[in-house]
Amino acid sequence: MNIITLLIVGLVAGFLADKVVKNSFGLLGDLIVGVIGSFIGSWLFGQLGLSIGSGLIGEIIIAFIGAVLLLLIVNLFKRRN
């Protein structure tokens, strides 16, 4: 995935995950969450042997799932402090 596609996928996935989990990290935070979520989702789907598709929509869905998982984990640590 080239850098522009990675940023677009990360921004969309981070924005959607932010709306679902209801965090407010701002646009830059959404981008970072989405990009990290993309790596988490790709790793997780690879470990489970799952595939959604090879297109841009599939990449966004995988990144979205990874970003939601990341935000849920962040929320767990924020509540403990």
PDB file of N, CA and C in Angstrom:
ATOM      1  N   MET A   1       0.856  -1.162   0.000  1.00  0.00           N
ATOM      2  CA  MET A   1       0.000   0.000   0.000  1.00  0.00           C
ATOM      3  C   MET A   1       0.909   1.234   0.000  1.00  0.00           C
ATOM      4  N   ASN A   2       0.653   2.150  -0.911  1.00  0.00           N
ATOM      5  CA  ASN A   2       1.493   3.331  -0.940  1.00  0.00           C
ATOM      6  C   ASN A   2       1.102   4.312   0.159  1.00  0.00           C
ATOM      7  N   ILE A   3       1.898   5.318   0.377  1.00  0.00           N
ATOM      8  CA  ILE A   3       1.724   6.215   1.515  1.00  0.00           C
ATOM      9  C   ILE A   3       0.423   7.015   1.435  1.00  0.00           C
ATOM     10  N   ILE A   4       0.028   7.442   0.244  1.00  0.00           N
ATOM     11  CA  ILE A   4      -1.213   8.216   0.098  1.00  0.00           C
ATOM     12  C   ILE A   4      -2.413   7.341   0.441  1.00  0.00           C
ATOM     13  N   THR A   5      -2.426   6.123  -0.060  1.00  0.00           N
ATOM     14  CA  THR A   5      -3.516   5.195   0.245  1.00  0.00           C
ATOM     15  C   THR A   5      -3.552   4.890   1.736  1.00  0.00           C
ATOM     16  N   LEU A   6      -2.386   4.685   2.335  1.00  0.00           N
ATOM     17  CA  LEU A   6      -2.307   4.419   3.766  1.00  0.00           C
ATOM     18  C   LEU A   6      -2.895   5.576   4.563  1.00  0.00           C
ATOM     19  N   LEU A   7      -2.593   6.800   4.178  1.00  0.00           N
ATOM     20  CA  LEU A   7      -3.112   7.966   4.893  1.00  0.00           C
ATOM     21  C   LEU A   7      -4.623   8.104   4.716  1.00  0.00           C
ATOM     22  N   ILE A   8      -5.109   7.861   3.509  1.00  0.00           N
ATOM     23  CA  ILE A   8      -6.556   7.954   3.260  1.00  0.00           C
ATOM     24  C   ILE A   8      -7.293   6.877   4.049  1.00  0.00           C
ATOM     25  N   VAL A   9      -6.807   5.649   3.967  1.00  0.00           N
ATOM     26  CA  VAL A   9      -7.424   4.545   4.703  1.00  0.00           C
ATOM     27  C   VAL A   9      -7.367   4.829   6.207  1.00  0.00           C
ATOM     28  N   GLY A  10      -6.231   5.290   6.683  1.00  0.00           N
ATOM     29  CA  GLY A  10      -6.069   5.595   8.101  1.00  0.00           C
ATOM     30  C   GLY A  10      -7.003   6.700   8.565  1.00  0.00           C
ATOM     31  N   LEU A  11      -7.148   7.731   7.768  1.00  0.00           N
ATOM     32  CA  LEU A  11      -8.017   8.848   8.143  1.00  0.00           C
ATOM     33  C   LEU A  11      -9.482   8.418   8.194  1.00  0.00           C
ATOM     34  N   VAL A  12      -9.918   7.702   7.178  1.00  0.00           N
ATOM     35  CA  VAL A  12     -11.312   7.242   7.138  1.00  0.00           C
ATOM     36  C   VAL A  12     -11.586   6.266   8.284  1.00  0.00           C
ATOM     37  N   ALA A  13     -10.705   5.288   8.454  1.00  0.00           N
ATOM     38  CA  ALA A  13     -10.901   4.283   9.511  1.00  0.00           C
ATOM     39  C   ALA A  13     -10.838   4.917  10.893  1.00  0.00           C
ATOM     40  N   GLY A  14      -9.890   5.820  11.104  1.00  0.00           N
ATOM     41  CA  GLY A  14      -9.772   6.486  12.393  1.00  0.00           C
ATOM     42  C   GLY A  14     -10.979   7.360  12.697  1.00  0.00           C
ATOM     43  N   PHE A  15     -11.473   8.067  11.691  1.00  0.00           N
ATOM     44  CA  PHE A  15     -12.651   8.917  11.867  1.00  0.00           C
ATOM     45  C   PHE A  15     -13.871   8.075  12.234  1.00  0.00           C
ATOM     46  N   LEU A  16     -14.093   6.982  11.494  1.00  0.00           N
ATOM     47  CA  LEU A  16     -15.234   6.110  11.768  1.00  0.00           C
ATOM     48  C   LEU A  16     -15.126   5.457  13.147  1.00  0.00           C
ATOM     49  N   ALA A  17     -13.940   4.992  13.493  1.00  0.00           N
ATOM     50  CA  ALA A  17     -13.736   4.362  14.802  1.00  0.00           C
ATOM     51  C   ALA A  17     -13.952   5.376  15.919  1.00  0.00           C
ATOM     52  N   ASP A  18     -13.527   6.603  15.704  1.00  0.00           N
ATOM     53  CA  ASP A  18     -13.716   7.671  16.684  1.00  0.00           C
ATOM     54  C   ASP A  18     -15.203   7.921  16.933  1.00  0.00           C
ATOM     55  N   LYS A  19     -16.004   7.859  15.892  1.00  0.00           N
ATOM     56  CA  LYS A  19     -17.449   8.066  16.033  1.00  0.00           C
ATOM     57  C   LYS A  19     -18.122   6.889  16.734  1.00  0.00           C
ATOM     58  N   VAL A  20     -17.643   5.681  16.509  1.00  0.00           N
ATOM     59  CA  VAL A  20     -18.240   4.498  17.123  1.00  0.00           C
ATOM     60  C   VAL A  20     -17.878   4.411  18.609  1.00  0.00           C
ATOM     61  N   VAL A  21     -16.602   4.620  18.921  1.00  0.00           N
ATOM     62  CA  VAL A  21     -16.130   4.484  20.296  1.00  0.00           C
ATOM     63  C   VAL A  21     -16.319   5.787  21.080  1.00  0.00           C
ATOM     64  N   LYS A  22     -16.535   6.872  20.402  1.00  0.00           N
ATOM     65  CA  LYS A  22     -16.795   8.183  20.989  1.00  0.00           C
ATOM     66  C   LYS A  22     -15.614   8.730  21.779  1.00  0.00           C
ATOM     67  N   ASN A  23     -14.465   8.730  21.145  1.00  0.00           N
ATOM     68  CA  ASN A  23     -13.293   9.432  21.656  1.00  0.00           C
ATOM     69  C   ASN A  23     -13.146  10.703  20.848  1.00  0.00           C
ATOM     70  N   SER A  24     -12.384  11.633  21.353  1.00  0.00           N
ATOM     71  CA  SER A  24     -12.166  12.861  20.583  1.00  0.00           C
ATOM     72  C   SER A  24     -10.677  13.185  20.575  1.00  0.00           C
ATOM     73  N   PHE A  25     -10.002  12.614  19.598  1.00  0.00           N
ATOM     74  CA  PHE A  25      -8.568  12.861  19.447  1.00  0.00           C
ATOM     75  C   PHE A  25      -8.281  13.898  18.370  1.00  0.00           C
ATOM     76  N   GLY A  26      -9.283  14.366  17.673  1.00  0.00           N
ATOM     77  CA  GLY A  26      -9.079  15.327  16.605  1.00  0.00           C
ATOM     78  C   GLY A  26      -8.678  14.640  15.320  1.00  0.00           C
ATOM     79  N   LEU A  27      -8.525  15.428  14.271  1.00  0.00           N
ATOM     80  CA  LEU A  27      -8.233  14.889  12.947  1.00  0.00           C
ATOM     81  C   LEU A  27      -6.885  14.176  12.901  1.00  0.00           C
ATOM     82  N   LEU A  28      -5.859  14.774  13.476  1.00  0.00           N
ATOM     83  CA  LEU A  28      -4.537  14.144  13.482  1.00  0.00           C
ATOM     84  C   LEU A  28      -4.552  12.867  14.315  1.00  0.00           C
ATOM     85  N   GLY A  29      -5.238  12.903  15.448  1.00  0.00           N
ATOM     86  CA  GLY A  29      -5.362  11.705  16.282  1.00  0.00           C
ATOM     87  C   GLY A  29      -6.101  10.600  15.563  1.00  0.00           C
ATOM     88  N   ASP A  30      -7.175  10.969  14.830  1.00  0.00           N
ATOM     89  CA  ASP A  30      -7.915   9.976  14.045  1.00  0.00           C
ATOM     90  C   ASP A  30      -7.006   9.330  13.003  1.00  0.00           C
ATOM     91  N   LEU A  31      -6.183  10.134  12.366  1.00  0.00           N
ATOM     92  CA  LEU A  31      -5.262   9.612  11.349  1.00  0.00           C
ATOM     93  C   LEU A  31      -4.287   8.622  11.979  1.00  0.00           C
ATOM     94  N   ILE A  32      -3.723   8.989  13.112  1.00  0.00           N
ATOM     95  CA  ILE A  32      -2.754   8.113  13.777  1.00  0.00           C
ATOM     96  C   ILE A  32      -3.427   6.823  14.238  1.00  0.00           C
ATOM     97  N   VAL A  33      -4.615   6.955  14.851  1.00  0.00           N
ATOM     98  CA  VAL A  33      -5.362   5.774  15.297  1.00  0.00           C
ATOM     99  C   VAL A  33      -5.693   4.880  14.107  1.00  0.00           C
ATOM    100  N   GLY A  34      -6.103   5.472  12.997  1.00  0.00           N
ATOM    101  CA  GLY A  34      -6.445   4.698  11.808  1.00  0.00           C
ATOM    102  C   GLY A  34      -5.261   3.963  11.210  1.00  0.00           C
ATOM    103  N   VAL A  35      -4.109   4.626  11.150  1.00  0.00           N
ATOM    104  CA  VAL A  35      -2.916   3.986  10.585  1.00  0.00           C
ATOM    105  C   VAL A  35      -2.455   2.842  11.489  1.00  0.00           C
ATOM    106  N   ILE A  36      -2.414   3.086  12.799  1.00  0.00           N
ATOM    107  CA  ILE A  36      -2.039   2.008  13.720  1.00  0.00           C
ATOM    108  C   ILE A  36      -3.083   0.900  13.682  1.00  0.00           C
ATOM    109  N   GLY A  37      -4.359   1.288  13.602  1.00  0.00           N
ATOM    110  CA  GLY A  37      -5.433   0.305  13.492  1.00  0.00           C
ATOM    111  C   GLY A  37      -5.328  -0.529  12.232  1.00  0.00           C
ATOM    112  N   SER A  38      -4.829   0.071  11.177  1.00  0.00           N
ATOM    113  CA  SER A  38      -4.618  -0.655   9.926  1.00  0.00           C
ATOM    114  C   SER A  38      -3.613  -1.789  10.122  1.00  0.00           C
ATOM    115  N   PHE A  39      -2.535  -1.500  10.839  1.00  0.00           N
ATOM    116  CA  PHE A  39      -1.535  -2.528  11.105  1.00  0.00           C
ATOM    117  C   PHE A  39      -2.097  -3.604  12.045  1.00  0.00           C
ATOM    118  N   ILE A  40      -2.829  -3.171  13.067  1.00  0.00           N
ATOM    119  CA  ILE A  40      -3.425  -4.125  14.005  1.00  0.00           C
ATOM    120  C   ILE A  40      -4.433  -5.019  13.288  1.00  0.00           C
ATOM    121  N   GLY A  41      -5.306  -4.416  12.497  1.00  0.00           N
ATOM    122  CA  GLY A  41      -6.314  -5.183  11.768  1.00  0.00           C
ATOM    123  C   GLY A  41      -5.695  -6.148  10.777  1.00  0.00           C
ATOM    124  N   SER A  42      -4.680  -5.699  10.050  1.00  0.00           N
ATOM    125  CA  SER A  42      -4.013  -6.578   9.084  1.00  0.00           C
ATOM    126  C   SER A  42      -3.363  -7.760   9.786  1.00  0.00           C
ATOM    127  N   TRP A  43      -2.697  -7.487  10.903  1.00  0.00           N
ATOM    128  CA  TRP A  43      -2.051  -8.561  11.653  1.00  0.00           C
ATOM    129  C   TRP A  43      -3.091  -9.544  12.188  1.00  0.00           C
ATOM    130  N   LEU A  44      -4.159  -8.999  12.785  1.00  0.00           N
ATOM    131  CA  LEU A  44      -5.189  -9.837  13.386  1.00  0.00           C
ATOM    132  C   LEU A  44      -5.885 -10.709  12.339  1.00  0.00           C
ATOM    133  N   PHE A  45      -6.261 -10.114  11.219  1.00  0.00           N
ATOM    134  CA  PHE A  45      -6.922 -10.887  10.169  1.00  0.00           C
ATOM    135  C   PHE A  45      -5.981 -11.939   9.590  1.00  0.00           C
ATOM    136  N   GLY A  46      -4.696 -11.613   9.483  1.00  0.00           N
ATOM    137  CA  GLY A  46      -3.714 -12.594   9.017  1.00  0.00           C
ATOM    138  C   GLY A  46      -3.581 -13.761   9.969  1.00  0.00           C
ATOM    139  N   GLN A  47      -3.560 -13.471  11.277  1.00  0.00           N
ATOM    140  CA  GLN A  47      -3.445 -14.523  12.287  1.00  0.00           C
ATOM    141  C   GLN A  47      -4.670 -15.429  12.297  1.00  0.00           C
ATOM    142  N   LEU A  48      -5.837 -14.840  12.057  1.00  0.00           N
ATOM    143  CA  LEU A  48      -7.075 -15.615  12.056  1.00  0.00           C
ATOM    144  C   LEU A  48      -7.366 -16.277  10.708  1.00  0.00           C
ATOM    145  N   GLY A  49      -6.594 -15.934   9.689  1.00  0.00           N
ATOM    146  CA  GLY A  49      -6.802 -16.495   8.367  1.00  0.00           C
ATOM    147  C   GLY A  49      -8.039 -15.948   7.677  1.00  0.00           C
ATOM    148  N   LEU A  50      -8.445 -14.746   8.040  1.00  0.00           N
ATOM    149  CA  LEU A  50      -9.639 -14.129   7.459  1.00  0.00           C
ATOM    150  C   LEU A  50      -9.266 -13.150   6.357  1.00  0.00           C
ATOM    151  N   SER A  51     -10.199 -12.945   5.446  1.00  0.00           N
ATOM    152  CA  SER A  51     -10.005 -11.982   4.368  1.00  0.00           C
ATOM    153  C   SER A  51     -11.335 -11.326   4.051  1.00  0.00           C
ATOM    154  N   ILE A  52     -11.318 -10.023   3.880  1.00  0.00           N
ATOM    155  CA  ILE A  52     -12.543  -9.295   3.537  1.00  0.00           C
ATOM    156  C   ILE A  52     -12.563  -8.958   2.054  1.00  0.00           C
ATOM    157  N   GLY A  53     -11.438  -8.770   1.482  1.00  0.00           N
ATOM    158  CA  GLY A  53     -11.338  -8.412   0.074  1.00  0.00           C
ATOM    159  C   GLY A  53     -10.025  -7.700  -0.160  1.00  0.00           C
ATOM    160  N   SER A  54      -9.717  -7.481  -1.399  1.00  0.00           N
ATOM    161  CA  SER A  54      -8.417  -6.875  -1.699  1.00  0.00           C
ATOM    162  C   SER A  54      -8.543  -5.419  -2.130  1.00  0.00           C
ATOM    163  N   GLY A  55      -9.741  -4.879  -2.154  1.00  0.00           N
ATOM    164  CA  GLY A  55      -9.927  -3.508  -2.592  1.00  0.00           C
ATOM    165  C   GLY A  55      -9.793  -2.504  -1.464  1.00  0.00           C
ATOM    166  N   LEU A  56      -9.993  -1.260  -1.818  1.00  0.00           N
ATOM    167  CA  LEU A  56      -9.882  -0.162  -0.872  1.00  0.00           C
ATOM    168  C   LEU A  56     -10.917  -0.277   0.248  1.00  0.00           C
ATOM    169  N   ILE A  57     -12.125  -0.698  -0.085  1.00  0.00           N
ATOM    170  CA  ILE A  57     -13.171  -0.858   0.931  1.00  0.00           C
ATOM    171  C   ILE A  57     -12.767  -1.935   1.937  1.00  0.00           C
ATOM    172  N   GLY A  58     -12.214  -3.031   1.466  1.00  0.00           N
ATOM    173  CA  GLY A  58     -11.747  -4.090   2.362  1.00  0.00           C
ATOM    174  C   GLY A  58     -10.654  -3.595   3.292  1.00  0.00           C
ATOM    175  N   GLU A  59      -9.737  -2.788   2.757  1.00  0.00           N
ATOM    176  CA  GLU A  59      -8.665  -2.230   3.586  1.00  0.00           C
ATOM    177  C   GLU A  59      -9.229  -1.294   4.644  1.00  0.00           C
ATOM    178  N   ILE A  60     -10.226  -0.505   4.278  1.00  0.00           N
ATOM    179  CA  ILE A  60     -10.836   0.418   5.238  1.00  0.00           C
ATOM    180  C   ILE A  60     -11.556  -0.360   6.337  1.00  0.00           C
ATOM    181  N   ILE A  61     -12.255  -1.427   5.978  1.00  0.00           N
ATOM    182  CA  ILE A  61     -12.967  -2.234   6.977  1.00  0.00           C
ATOM    183  C   ILE A  61     -11.989  -2.876   7.951  1.00  0.00           C
ATOM    184  N   ILE A  62     -10.908  -3.435   7.431  1.00  0.00           N
ATOM    185  CA  ILE A  62      -9.898  -4.058   8.289  1.00  0.00           C
ATOM    186  C   ILE A  62      -9.250  -3.014   9.193  1.00  0.00           C
ATOM    187  N   ALA A  63      -8.919  -1.846   8.640  1.00  0.00           N
ATOM    188  CA  ALA A  63      -8.319  -0.775   9.438  1.00  0.00           C
ATOM    189  C   ALA A  63      -9.309  -0.262  10.481  1.00  0.00           C
ATOM    190  N   PHE A  64     -10.582  -0.174  10.117  1.00  0.00           N
ATOM    191  CA  PHE A  64     -11.619   0.270  11.049  1.00  0.00           C
ATOM    192  C   PHE A  64     -11.719  -0.679  12.239  1.00  0.00           C
ATOM    193  N   ILE A  65     -11.738  -1.975  11.972  1.00  0.00           N
ATOM    194  CA  ILE A  65     -11.815  -2.967  13.051  1.00  0.00           C
ATOM    195  C   ILE A  65     -10.589  -2.860  13.959  1.00  0.00           C
ATOM    196  N   GLY A  66      -9.421  -2.726  13.355  1.00  0.00           N
ATOM    197  CA  GLY A  66      -8.199  -2.561  14.149  1.00  0.00           C
ATOM    198  C   GLY A  66      -8.215  -1.275  14.957  1.00  0.00           C
ATOM    199  N   ALA A  67      -8.729  -0.191  14.384  1.00  0.00           N
ATOM    200  CA  ALA A  67      -8.787   1.094  15.085  1.00  0.00           C
ATOM    201  C   ALA A  67      -9.778   1.032  16.246  1.00  0.00           C
ATOM    202  N   VAL A  68     -10.908   0.362  16.058  1.00  0.00           N
ATOM    203  CA  VAL A  68     -11.882   0.213  17.146  1.00  0.00           C
ATOM    204  C   VAL A  68     -11.248  -0.581  18.289  1.00  0.00           C
ATOM    205  N   LEU A  69     -10.551  -1.663  17.966  1.00  0.00           N
ATOM    206  CA  LEU A  69      -9.881  -2.449  19.005  1.00  0.00           C
ATOM    207  C   LEU A  69      -8.853  -1.600  19.746  1.00  0.00           C
ATOM    208  N   LEU A  70      -8.086  -0.816  19.006  1.00  0.00           N
ATOM    209  CA  LEU A  70      -7.090   0.061  19.619  1.00  0.00           C
ATOM    210  C   LEU A  70      -7.752   1.060  20.560  1.00  0.00           C
ATOM    211  N   LEU A  71      -8.840   1.685  20.131  1.00  0.00           N
ATOM    212  CA  LEU A  71      -9.519   2.675  20.967  1.00  0.00           C
ATOM    213  C   LEU A  71     -10.143   2.031  22.203  1.00  0.00           C
ATOM    214  N   LEU A  72     -10.659   0.826  22.065  1.00  0.00           N
ATOM    215  CA  LEU A  72     -11.198   0.131  23.230  1.00  0.00           C
ATOM    216  C   LEU A  72     -10.106  -0.167  24.255  1.00  0.00           C
ATOM    217  N   ILE A  73      -8.944  -0.560  23.783  1.00  0.00           N
ATOM    218  CA  ILE A  73      -7.813  -0.821  24.681  1.00  0.00           C
ATOM    219  C   ILE A  73      -7.365   0.480  25.347  1.00  0.00           C
ATOM    220  N   VAL A  74      -7.288   1.572  24.586  1.00  0.00           N
ATOM    221  CA  VAL A  74      -6.918   2.871  25.151  1.00  0.00           C
ATOM    222  C   VAL A  74      -7.918   3.282  26.222  1.00  0.00           C
ATOM    223  N   ASN A  75      -9.208   3.070  25.964  1.00  0.00           N
ATOM    224  CA  ASN A  75     -10.240   3.415  26.941  1.00  0.00           C
ATOM    225  C   ASN A  75     -10.096   2.609  28.234  1.00  0.00           C
ATOM    226  N   LEU A  76      -9.697   1.346  28.117  1.00  0.00           N
ATOM    227  CA  LEU A  76      -9.483   0.531  29.314  1.00  0.00           C
ATOM    228  C   LEU A  76      -8.398   1.129  30.193  1.00  0.00           C
ATOM    229  N   PHE A  77      -7.312   1.599  29.578  1.00  0.00           N
ATOM    230  CA  PHE A  77      -6.210   2.172  30.351  1.00  0.00           C
ATOM    231  C   PHE A  77      -6.564   3.555  30.877  1.00  0.00           C
ATOM    232  N   LYS A  78      -7.366   4.322  30.137  1.00  0.00           N
ATOM    233  CA  LYS A  78      -7.771   5.640  30.610  1.00  0.00           C
ATOM    234  C   LYS A  78      -8.680   5.548  31.827  1.00  0.00           C
ATOM    235  N   ARG A  79      -9.517   4.539  31.886  1.00  0.00           N
ATOM    236  CA  ARG A  79     -10.446   4.368  33.014  1.00  0.00           C
ATOM    237  C   ARG A  79      -9.727   3.940  34.286  1.00  0.00           C
ATOM    238  N   ARG A  80      -8.614   3.245  34.140  1.00  0.00           N
ATOM    239  CA  ARG A  80      -7.870   2.769  35.321  1.00  0.00           C
ATOM    240  C   ARG A  80      -7.134   3.911  36.003  1.00  0.00           C
ATOM    241  N   ASN A  81      -6.819   4.951  35.284  1.00  0.00           N
ATOM    242  CA  ASN A  81      -6.058   6.066  35.873  1.00  0.00           C
ATOM    243  C   ASN A  81      -6.934   7.093  36.471  1.00  0.00           C
TER     244      ASN A  81
END
